[in-house]
Amino acid sequence: LDDRILLEGLRLVKENEKIDFKLEKPEQVLSHLELYAE
């Protein structure tokens, strides 16, 4: 799978807008989320 999930900046990105992104390991990211996620 090649899924990408936007964790920061939700509702700040407009449709077709180009963004800069940084890929991080899921294990590191999920441990720092304030909301529960599976």
Protein backbone atom coordinates (compact mmCIF):
# COMPACT_ATOMS: atom_id res chain seq x y z
CA LEU A 1 0.00 0.00 0.00
CA ASP A 2 1.07 3.55 -0.62
CA ASP A 3 -1.34 5.34 1.73
CA ARG A 4 -0.42 8.71 3.17
CA ILE A 5 -2.29 10.35 6.01
CA LEU A 6 -2.17 14.07 6.79
CA LEU A 7 -1.82 14.44 10.57
CA GLU A 8 -1.10 18.15 10.89
CA GLY A 9 -2.70 20.95 8.93
CA LEU A 10 -6.15 19.41 8.51
CA ARG A 11 -8.62 22.02 7.20
CA LEU A 12 -5.70 24.28 6.27
CA VAL A 13 -5.06 22.73 2.85
CA LYS A 14 -7.25 23.70 -0.07
CA GLU A 15 -8.13 21.34 -2.92
CA ASN A 16 -5.32 20.91 -5.49
CA GLU A 17 -2.90 22.93 -3.33
CA LYS A 18 0.67 21.65 -3.31
CA ILE A 19 2.11 20.97 0.14
CA ASP A 20 5.50 20.19 1.65
CA PHE A 21 5.56 17.00 3.67
CA LYS A 22 7.83 14.92 5.85
CA LEU A 23 7.48 11.14 6.05
CA GLU A 24 7.85 9.61 9.51
CA LYS A 25 7.60 6.07 10.84
CA PRO A 26 4.00 5.24 11.90
CA GLU A 27 5.18 3.90 15.26
CA GLN A 28 6.71 7.27 16.17
CA VAL A 29 3.78 9.34 14.95
CA LEU A 30 1.00 7.28 16.56
CA SER A 31 2.69 7.43 19.96
CA HIS A 32 2.53 11.27 19.87
CA LEU A 33 -1.09 11.73 18.76
CA GLU A 34 -3.40 13.48 21.20
CA LEU A 35 -6.46 11.65 19.86
CA TYR A 36 -6.86 7.87 19.80
CA ALA A 37 -6.22 6.32 16.40
CA GLU A 38 -5.91 2.76 15.10
